[in-house]
Amino acid sequence: MTATLRVYHRAYTPISKPLDEIVAAARTLETTGKVDACTFTEWPTTVALDSDCEPATLYEIVTDWAETERVDPTTPFRIHTRTNPITDTDQSILHTPVVYLTLEHDGELVATAPCTLPDGTHITARDFLDAIQDGDDPLDGRSVDAIPA
């Protein structure tokens, strides 16, 4: 089973110690073999929700995935509606989080962070990476043999 960790981070955001730590922890997971691959993608602060771009596509993927998983992966995202002053039409705008993580097994989404579990527990990006490092399921803490590559 191939495990891929994807790290999305907002472009043009001043680099901060927490973001540096997330990037370093993600890279360590790859170099130590806890995941097979780790990718890093910069994304914009906002996008039109109906646009054909990676943040909008990812938002759709994680919300579809969440319907069966009973997890709220949209916790760090915000959506608002704006009216285009030229066309006078409403448009939904997606605000991306500073950092967002997904874990895939063989190309299939299995976990995201930050997120909120059904019991209200909030999983941070750091909690998520620590669980993978420990060989646990990042969404419930159970030991998962499939996570290490």
N, C-alpha and C. Protein backbone atom coordinates (compact mmCIF):
# COMPACT_ATOMS: atom_id res chain seq x y z
N MET A 1 0.85 -1.18 0.00
CA MET A 1 0.00 0.00 0.00
C MET A 1 0.89 1.24 0.00
N THR A 2 0.62 2.16 -0.91
CA THR A 2 1.39 3.39 -1.02
C THR A 2 0.69 4.51 -0.25
N ALA A 3 1.42 5.13 0.67
CA ALA A 3 0.87 6.24 1.46
C ALA A 3 1.48 7.55 0.96
N THR A 4 0.61 8.50 0.60
CA THR A 4 1.06 9.81 0.12
C THR A 4 0.49 10.89 1.02
N LEU A 5 1.37 11.71 1.56
CA LEU A 5 0.98 12.86 2.37
C LEU A 5 1.06 14.09 1.48
N ARG A 6 -0.02 14.84 1.42
CA ARG A 6 -0.04 16.08 0.64
C ARG A 6 -0.18 17.26 1.59
N VAL A 7 0.72 18.22 1.44
CA VAL A 7 0.72 19.42 2.27
C VAL A 7 0.39 20.60 1.38
N TYR A 8 -0.73 21.24 1.66
CA TYR A 8 -1.14 22.44 0.93
C TYR A 8 -0.91 23.62 1.87
N HIS A 9 -0.28 24.66 1.34
CA HIS A 9 -0.07 25.83 2.18
C HIS A 9 -0.30 27.09 1.37
N ARG A 10 -0.76 28.09 2.07
CA ARG A 10 -1.13 29.34 1.41
C ARG A 10 0.11 30.08 0.92
N ALA A 11 0.05 30.50 -0.32
CA ALA A 11 1.12 31.30 -0.91
C ALA A 11 1.08 32.71 -0.33
N TYR A 12 2.22 33.35 -0.36
CA TYR A 12 2.34 34.75 0.06
C TYR A 12 1.98 34.97 1.52
N THR A 13 2.09 33.93 2.33
CA THR A 13 1.90 34.06 3.76
C THR A 13 3.27 34.09 4.40
N PRO A 14 3.53 35.07 5.26
CA PRO A 14 4.85 35.08 5.90
C PRO A 14 5.11 33.73 6.57
N ILE A 15 6.29 33.21 6.33
CA ILE A 15 6.65 31.92 6.92
C ILE A 15 6.71 32.09 8.44
N SER A 16 6.09 31.16 9.11
CA SER A 16 6.05 31.22 10.56
C SER A 16 6.64 29.95 11.14
N LYS A 17 6.98 29.99 12.39
CA LYS A 17 7.54 28.82 13.04
C LYS A 17 6.58 27.62 12.98
N PRO A 18 5.28 27.80 13.27
CA PRO A 18 4.39 26.63 13.17
C PRO A 18 4.35 26.01 11.77
N LEU A 19 4.33 26.85 10.73
CA LEU A 19 4.32 26.31 9.37
C LEU A 19 5.64 25.62 9.06
N ASP A 20 6.74 26.22 9.49
CA ASP A 20 8.05 25.59 9.31
C ASP A 20 8.08 24.21 9.98
N GLU A 21 7.49 24.11 11.16
CA GLU A 21 7.48 22.84 11.90
C GLU A 21 6.64 21.80 11.18
N ILE A 22 5.52 22.21 10.61
CA ILE A 22 4.66 21.28 9.86
C ILE A 22 5.41 20.76 8.64
N VAL A 23 6.05 21.65 7.91
CA VAL A 23 6.81 21.24 6.72
C VAL A 23 7.95 20.30 7.11
N ALA A 24 8.66 20.63 8.16
CA ALA A 24 9.76 19.77 8.61
C ALA A 24 9.25 18.40 9.04
N ALA A 25 8.15 18.36 9.78
CA ALA A 25 7.59 17.08 10.24
C ALA A 25 7.12 16.24 9.05
N ALA A 26 6.52 16.88 8.06
CA ALA A 26 6.07 16.15 6.87
C ALA A 26 7.26 15.57 6.11
N ARG A 27 8.30 16.35 5.97
CA ARG A 27 9.51 15.85 5.28
C ARG A 27 10.14 14.69 6.05
N THR A 28 10.13 14.76 7.37
CA THR A 28 10.67 13.69 8.19
C THR A 28 9.89 12.39 7.99
N LEU A 29 8.56 12.51 7.85
CA LEU A 29 7.75 11.30 7.62
C LEU A 29 8.16 10.60 6.33
N GLU A 30 8.51 11.39 5.33
CA GLU A 30 8.94 10.78 4.07
C GLU A 30 10.35 10.20 4.18
N THR A 31 11.27 10.94 4.79
CA THR A 31 12.64 10.44 4.87
C THR A 31 12.77 9.23 5.79
N THR A 32 11.89 9.10 6.77
CA THR A 32 11.93 7.95 7.67
C THR A 32 11.08 6.79 7.17
N GLY A 33 10.40 6.97 6.03
CA GLY A 33 9.61 5.88 5.47
C GLY A 33 8.23 5.70 6.07
N LYS A 34 7.78 6.66 6.86
CA LYS A 34 6.42 6.57 7.43
C LYS A 34 5.36 6.81 6.35
N VAL A 35 5.72 7.58 5.32
CA VAL A 35 4.89 7.72 4.12
C VAL A 35 5.81 7.51 2.92
N ASP A 36 5.24 7.07 1.83
CA ASP A 36 6.04 6.81 0.63
C ASP A 36 6.41 8.08 -0.11
N ALA A 37 5.50 9.05 -0.07
CA ALA A 37 5.73 10.30 -0.79
C ALA A 37 5.08 11.45 -0.04
N CYS A 38 5.68 12.61 -0.20
CA CYS A 38 5.15 13.82 0.41
C CYS A 38 5.23 14.92 -0.64
N THR A 39 4.11 15.59 -0.88
CA THR A 39 4.10 16.68 -1.86
C THR A 39 3.74 17.98 -1.15
N PHE A 40 4.21 19.08 -1.71
CA PHE A 40 3.94 20.41 -1.17
C PHE A 40 3.37 21.26 -2.28
N THR A 41 2.23 21.89 -2.01
CA THR A 41 1.56 22.71 -3.01
C THR A 41 1.17 24.04 -2.40
N GLU A 42 1.59 25.13 -3.05
CA GLU A 42 1.14 26.45 -2.63
C GLU A 42 -0.20 26.73 -3.30
N TRP A 43 -1.08 27.39 -2.55
CA TRP A 43 -2.35 27.77 -3.14
C TRP A 43 -2.71 29.19 -2.73
N PRO A 44 -3.61 29.82 -3.47
CA PRO A 44 -3.95 31.21 -3.18
C PRO A 44 -4.81 31.35 -1.93
N THR A 45 -4.93 32.56 -1.45
CA THR A 45 -5.75 32.84 -0.26
C THR A 45 -7.22 32.61 -0.55
N THR A 46 -7.68 33.03 -1.72
CA THR A 46 -9.09 32.86 -2.08
C THR A 46 -9.21 32.41 -3.53
N VAL A 47 -10.29 31.69 -3.80
CA VAL A 47 -10.63 31.29 -5.17
C VAL A 47 -12.15 31.25 -5.27
N ALA A 48 -12.64 31.38 -6.48
CA ALA A 48 -14.07 31.18 -6.70
C ALA A 48 -14.36 29.69 -6.53
N LEU A 49 -15.37 29.37 -5.78
CA LEU A 49 -15.67 27.97 -5.48
C LEU A 49 -16.04 27.19 -6.74
N ASP A 50 -16.59 27.87 -7.73
CA ASP A 50 -16.97 27.18 -8.97
C ASP A 50 -15.88 27.19 -10.03
N SER A 51 -14.67 27.62 -9.67
CA SER A 51 -13.59 27.66 -10.65
C SER A 51 -12.91 26.29 -10.77
N ASP A 52 -12.23 26.12 -11.88
CA ASP A 52 -11.51 24.88 -12.14
C ASP A 52 -10.06 25.07 -11.67
N CYS A 53 -9.86 24.93 -10.36
CA CYS A 53 -8.52 25.11 -9.79
C CYS A 53 -8.35 24.12 -8.63
N GLU A 54 -7.11 23.90 -8.24
CA GLU A 54 -6.82 22.88 -7.23
C GLU A 54 -7.54 23.09 -5.90
N PRO A 55 -7.55 24.29 -5.32
CA PRO A 55 -8.25 24.44 -4.04
C PRO A 55 -9.74 24.11 -4.13
N ALA A 56 -10.40 24.57 -5.18
CA ALA A 56 -11.84 24.29 -5.33
C ALA A 56 -12.07 22.80 -5.56
N THR A 57 -11.22 22.18 -6.36
CA THR A 57 -11.35 20.74 -6.62
C THR A 57 -11.11 19.95 -5.35
N LEU A 58 -10.07 20.30 -4.59
CA LEU A 58 -9.79 19.60 -3.34
C LEU A 58 -10.94 19.76 -2.35
N TYR A 59 -11.49 20.96 -2.26
CA TYR A 59 -12.62 21.20 -1.35
C TYR A 59 -13.78 20.27 -1.72
N GLU A 60 -14.06 20.12 -2.98
CA GLU A 60 -15.13 19.23 -3.43
C GLU A 60 -14.81 17.77 -3.08
N ILE A 61 -13.57 17.36 -3.29
CA ILE A 61 -13.16 15.99 -2.99
C ILE A 61 -13.30 15.69 -1.50
N VAL A 62 -12.81 16.60 -0.64
CA VAL A 62 -12.86 16.31 0.80
C VAL A 62 -14.29 16.38 1.34
N THR A 63 -15.14 17.24 0.78
CA THR A 63 -16.52 17.27 1.26
C THR A 63 -17.28 16.02 0.81
N ASP A 64 -17.00 15.52 -0.40
CA ASP A 64 -17.61 14.26 -0.84
C ASP A 64 -17.14 13.10 0.03
N TRP A 65 -15.85 13.05 0.30
CA TRP A 65 -15.27 11.99 1.14
C TRP A 65 -15.89 12.03 2.54
N ALA A 66 -16.08 13.21 3.08
CA ALA A 66 -16.57 13.38 4.45
C ALA A 66 -17.99 12.88 4.64
N GLU A 67 -18.78 12.86 3.58
CA GLU A 67 -20.16 12.39 3.71
C GLU A 67 -20.23 10.97 4.23
N THR A 68 -19.30 10.11 3.83
CA THR A 68 -19.31 8.73 4.31
C THR A 68 -18.47 8.56 5.57
N GLU A 69 -17.51 9.44 5.80
CA GLU A 69 -16.60 9.30 6.94
C GLU A 69 -17.10 9.98 8.20
N ARG A 70 -18.12 10.82 8.09
CA ARG A 70 -18.67 11.56 9.23
C ARG A 70 -17.60 12.43 9.92
N VAL A 71 -16.75 13.00 9.13
CA VAL A 71 -15.71 13.92 9.60
C VAL A 71 -15.96 15.26 8.93
N ASP A 72 -15.71 16.35 9.64
CA ASP A 72 -15.84 17.67 9.02
C ASP A 72 -14.46 18.16 8.61
N PRO A 73 -14.10 17.95 7.33
CA PRO A 73 -12.78 18.37 6.87
C PRO A 73 -12.75 19.84 6.47
N THR A 74 -13.89 20.52 6.56
CA THR A 74 -13.96 21.91 6.10
C THR A 74 -13.71 22.91 7.21
N THR A 75 -13.38 22.45 8.40
CA THR A 75 -13.18 23.32 9.56
C THR A 75 -12.30 24.53 9.24
N PRO A 76 -11.15 24.37 8.60
CA PRO A 76 -10.29 25.53 8.38
C PRO A 76 -10.65 26.38 7.15
N PHE A 77 -11.63 25.94 6.36
CA PHE A 77 -12.03 26.70 5.18
C PHE A 77 -13.16 27.67 5.55
N ARG A 78 -13.26 28.75 4.80
CA ARG A 78 -14.40 29.66 4.94
C ARG A 78 -14.95 29.93 3.55
N ILE A 79 -16.27 30.07 3.49
CA ILE A 79 -16.92 30.41 2.22
C ILE A 79 -17.80 31.63 2.47
N HIS A 80 -17.72 32.58 1.57
CA HIS A 80 -18.64 33.71 1.63
C HIS A 80 -19.10 34.01 0.20
N THR A 81 -20.17 34.75 0.11
CA THR A 81 -20.72 35.12 -1.18
C THR A 81 -20.44 36.59 -1.44
N ARG A 82 -20.01 36.87 -2.65
CA ARG A 82 -19.79 38.27 -3.03
C ARG A 82 -20.57 38.52 -4.31
N THR A 83 -20.92 39.76 -4.49
CA THR A 83 -21.61 40.16 -5.71
C THR A 83 -20.62 40.86 -6.62
N ASN A 84 -20.51 40.34 -7.82
CA ASN A 84 -19.62 40.94 -8.81
C ASN A 84 -20.21 42.30 -9.20
N PRO A 85 -19.47 43.38 -8.99
CA PRO A 85 -20.03 44.71 -9.26
C PRO A 85 -20.27 44.98 -10.75
N ILE A 86 -19.61 44.23 -11.61
CA ILE A 86 -19.78 44.45 -13.05
C ILE A 86 -20.97 43.66 -13.58
N THR A 87 -21.06 42.38 -13.20
CA THR A 87 -22.13 41.53 -13.73
C THR A 87 -23.33 41.45 -12.81
N ASP A 88 -23.18 41.92 -11.57
CA ASP A 88 -24.24 41.87 -10.56
C ASP A 88 -24.69 40.44 -10.26
N THR A 89 -23.77 39.47 -10.42
CA THR A 89 -24.08 38.08 -10.09
C THR A 89 -23.34 37.69 -8.80
N ASP A 90 -23.96 36.79 -8.06
CA ASP A 90 -23.34 36.30 -6.83
C ASP A 90 -22.35 35.19 -7.15
N GLN A 91 -21.28 35.16 -6.36
CA GLN A 91 -20.26 34.14 -6.54
C GLN A 91 -19.78 33.70 -5.17
N SER A 92 -19.66 32.38 -4.97
CA SER A 92 -19.14 31.84 -3.71
C SER A 92 -17.62 31.86 -3.76
N ILE A 93 -17.03 32.42 -2.71
CA ILE A 93 -15.58 32.55 -2.62
C ILE A 93 -15.08 31.63 -1.51
N LEU A 94 -14.10 30.81 -1.82
CA LEU A 94 -13.49 29.89 -0.87
C LEU A 94 -12.21 30.50 -0.34
N HIS A 95 -12.11 30.61 0.98
CA HIS A 95 -10.88 31.08 1.64
C HIS A 95 -10.12 29.83 2.09
N THR A 96 -8.89 29.69 1.64
CA THR A 96 -8.10 28.51 1.94
C THR A 96 -7.41 28.64 3.30
N PRO A 97 -7.17 27.53 3.97
CA PRO A 97 -6.41 27.58 5.22
C PRO A 97 -4.92 27.82 4.95
N VAL A 98 -4.22 28.28 5.96
CA VAL A 98 -2.78 28.49 5.84
C VAL A 98 -2.08 27.18 5.55
N VAL A 99 -2.52 26.11 6.20
CA VAL A 99 -1.97 24.78 5.92
C VAL A 99 -3.10 23.76 5.98
N TYR A 100 -3.04 22.78 5.08
CA TYR A 100 -4.04 21.72 5.03
C TYR A 100 -3.34 20.45 4.58
N LEU A 101 -3.66 19.34 5.21
CA LEU A 101 -3.00 18.06 4.95
C LEU A 101 -4.01 17.02 4.48
N THR A 102 -3.60 16.20 3.54
CA THR A 102 -4.40 15.03 3.18
C THR A 102 -3.48 13.81 3.18
N LEU A 103 -4.05 12.67 3.51
CA LEU A 103 -3.33 11.41 3.45
C LEU A 103 -4.09 10.49 2.52
N GLU A 104 -3.37 9.93 1.58
CA GLU A 104 -3.96 9.00 0.61
C GLU A 104 -3.27 7.65 0.72
N HIS A 105 -4.05 6.61 0.56
CA HIS A 105 -3.50 5.25 0.43
C HIS A 105 -3.86 4.77 -0.97
N ASP A 106 -2.85 4.47 -1.74
CA ASP A 106 -3.04 4.02 -3.12
C ASP A 106 -3.95 4.98 -3.90
N GLY A 107 -3.75 6.29 -3.69
CA GLY A 107 -4.50 7.31 -4.41
C GLY A 107 -5.87 7.61 -3.86
N GLU A 108 -6.27 6.92 -2.81
CA GLU A 108 -7.60 7.12 -2.22
C GLU A 108 -7.48 7.93 -0.93
N LEU A 109 -8.26 9.00 -0.80
CA LEU A 109 -8.25 9.84 0.38
C LEU A 109 -8.69 9.05 1.61
N VAL A 110 -7.89 9.10 2.69
CA VAL A 110 -8.24 8.39 3.92
C VAL A 110 -8.29 9.31 5.13
N ALA A 111 -7.70 10.51 5.04
CA ALA A 111 -7.71 11.42 6.18
C ALA A 111 -7.32 12.82 5.75
N THR A 112 -7.80 13.82 6.51
CA THR A 112 -7.45 15.21 6.27
C THR A 112 -7.23 15.92 7.60
N ALA A 113 -6.53 17.02 7.56
CA ALA A 113 -6.36 17.84 8.77
C ALA A 113 -6.02 19.26 8.37
N PRO A 114 -6.44 20.20 9.14
CA PRO A 114 -7.27 20.11 10.33
C PRO A 114 -8.67 19.63 9.97
N CYS A 115 -9.32 19.01 10.95
CA CYS A 115 -10.69 18.55 10.78
C CYS A 115 -11.34 18.42 12.15
N THR A 116 -12.65 18.18 12.14
CA THR A 116 -13.39 17.97 13.37
C THR A 116 -14.07 16.60 13.28
N LEU A 117 -13.87 15.79 14.31
CA LEU A 117 -14.46 14.45 14.36
C LEU A 117 -15.92 14.54 14.81
N PRO A 118 -16.70 13.47 14.62
CA PRO A 118 -18.11 13.51 14.99
C PRO A 118 -18.36 13.86 16.47
N ASP A 119 -17.43 13.50 17.35
CA ASP A 119 -17.62 13.81 18.77
C ASP A 119 -17.20 15.24 19.13
N GLY A 120 -16.81 16.03 18.12
CA GLY A 120 -16.41 17.41 18.35
C GLY A 120 -14.93 17.62 18.55
N THR A 121 -14.16 16.53 18.59
CA THR A 121 -12.71 16.64 18.75
C THR A 121 -12.10 17.28 17.51
N HIS A 122 -11.26 18.27 17.74
CA HIS A 122 -10.58 18.96 16.63
C HIS A 122 -9.19 18.34 16.47
N ILE A 123 -8.89 17.90 15.27
CA ILE A 123 -7.58 17.34 14.96
C ILE A 123 -6.77 18.43 14.25
N THR A 124 -5.66 18.82 14.84
CA THR A 124 -4.81 19.83 14.24
C THR A 124 -3.84 19.16 13.25
N ALA A 125 -3.19 19.98 12.45
CA ALA A 125 -2.19 19.44 11.53
C ALA A 125 -1.08 18.75 12.31
N ARG A 126 -0.68 19.31 13.43
CA ARG A 126 0.40 18.72 14.25
C ARG A 126 -0.05 17.37 14.83
N ASP A 127 -1.29 17.29 15.35
CA ASP A 127 -1.83 16.02 15.86
C ASP A 127 -1.81 14.95 14.77
N PHE A 128 -2.21 15.37 13.59
CA PHE A 128 -2.29 14.49 12.43
C PHE A 128 -0.92 13.90 12.10
N LEU A 129 0.09 14.77 12.01
CA LEU A 129 1.44 14.31 11.68
C LEU A 129 2.04 13.45 12.79
N ASP A 130 1.77 13.82 14.04
CA ASP A 130 2.26 13.01 15.17
C ASP A 130 1.67 11.61 15.14
N ALA A 131 0.38 11.51 14.81
CA ALA A 131 -0.26 10.19 14.75
C ALA A 131 0.38 9.32 13.66
N ILE A 132 0.63 9.91 12.51
CA ILE A 132 1.28 9.15 11.43
C ILE A 132 2.68 8.71 11.88
N GLN A 133 3.40 9.60 12.53
CA GLN A 133 4.74 9.27 13.03
C GLN A 133 4.69 8.08 13.98
N ASP A 134 3.63 8.04 14.81
CA ASP A 134 3.48 6.96 15.79
C ASP A 134 2.87 5.69 15.19
N GLY A 135 2.49 5.75 13.89
CA GLY A 135 1.90 4.58 13.25
C GLY A 135 0.43 4.41 13.59
N ASP A 136 -0.24 5.49 14.00
CA ASP A 136 -1.65 5.45 14.36
C ASP A 136 -2.50 6.05 13.26
N ASP A 137 -3.78 5.70 13.28
CA ASP A 137 -4.74 6.33 12.38
C ASP A 137 -4.89 7.77 12.85
N PRO A 138 -4.60 8.75 11.99
CA PRO A 138 -4.63 10.14 12.44
C PRO A 138 -6.00 10.65 12.84
N LEU A 139 -7.07 9.92 12.51
CA LEU A 139 -8.41 10.38 12.87
C LEU A 139 -9.01 9.67 14.08
N ASP A 140 -8.39 8.59 14.55
CA ASP A 140 -8.96 7.99 15.75
C ASP A 140 -7.95 7.37 16.70
N GLY A 141 -6.68 7.45 16.38
CA GLY A 141 -5.65 6.99 17.32
C GLY A 141 -5.41 5.50 17.34
N ARG A 142 -6.18 4.72 16.57
CA ARG A 142 -5.93 3.28 16.54
C ARG A 142 -4.65 3.00 15.79
N SER A 143 -3.95 1.98 16.21
CA SER A 143 -2.74 1.58 15.51
C SER A 143 -3.12 1.01 14.15
N VAL A 144 -2.48 1.51 13.12
CA VAL A 144 -2.77 1.07 11.76
C VAL A 144 -1.47 0.63 11.11
N ASP A 145 -1.38 -0.64 10.82
CA ASP A 145 -0.17 -1.17 10.21
C ASP A 145 0.04 -0.65 8.79
N ALA A 146 -1.04 -0.23 8.14
CA ALA A 146 -0.95 0.19 6.73
C ALA A 146 -0.37 1.58 6.57
N ILE A 147 -0.33 2.38 7.62
CA ILE A 147 0.16 3.75 7.45
C ILE A 147 1.65 3.76 7.15
N PRO A 148 2.48 3.05 7.93
CA PRO A 148 3.90 3.07 7.55
C PRO A 148 4.10 2.44 6.18
N ALA A 149 4.96 3.04 5.40
CA ALA A 149 5.18 2.55 4.03
C ALA A 149 5.93 1.25 4.04
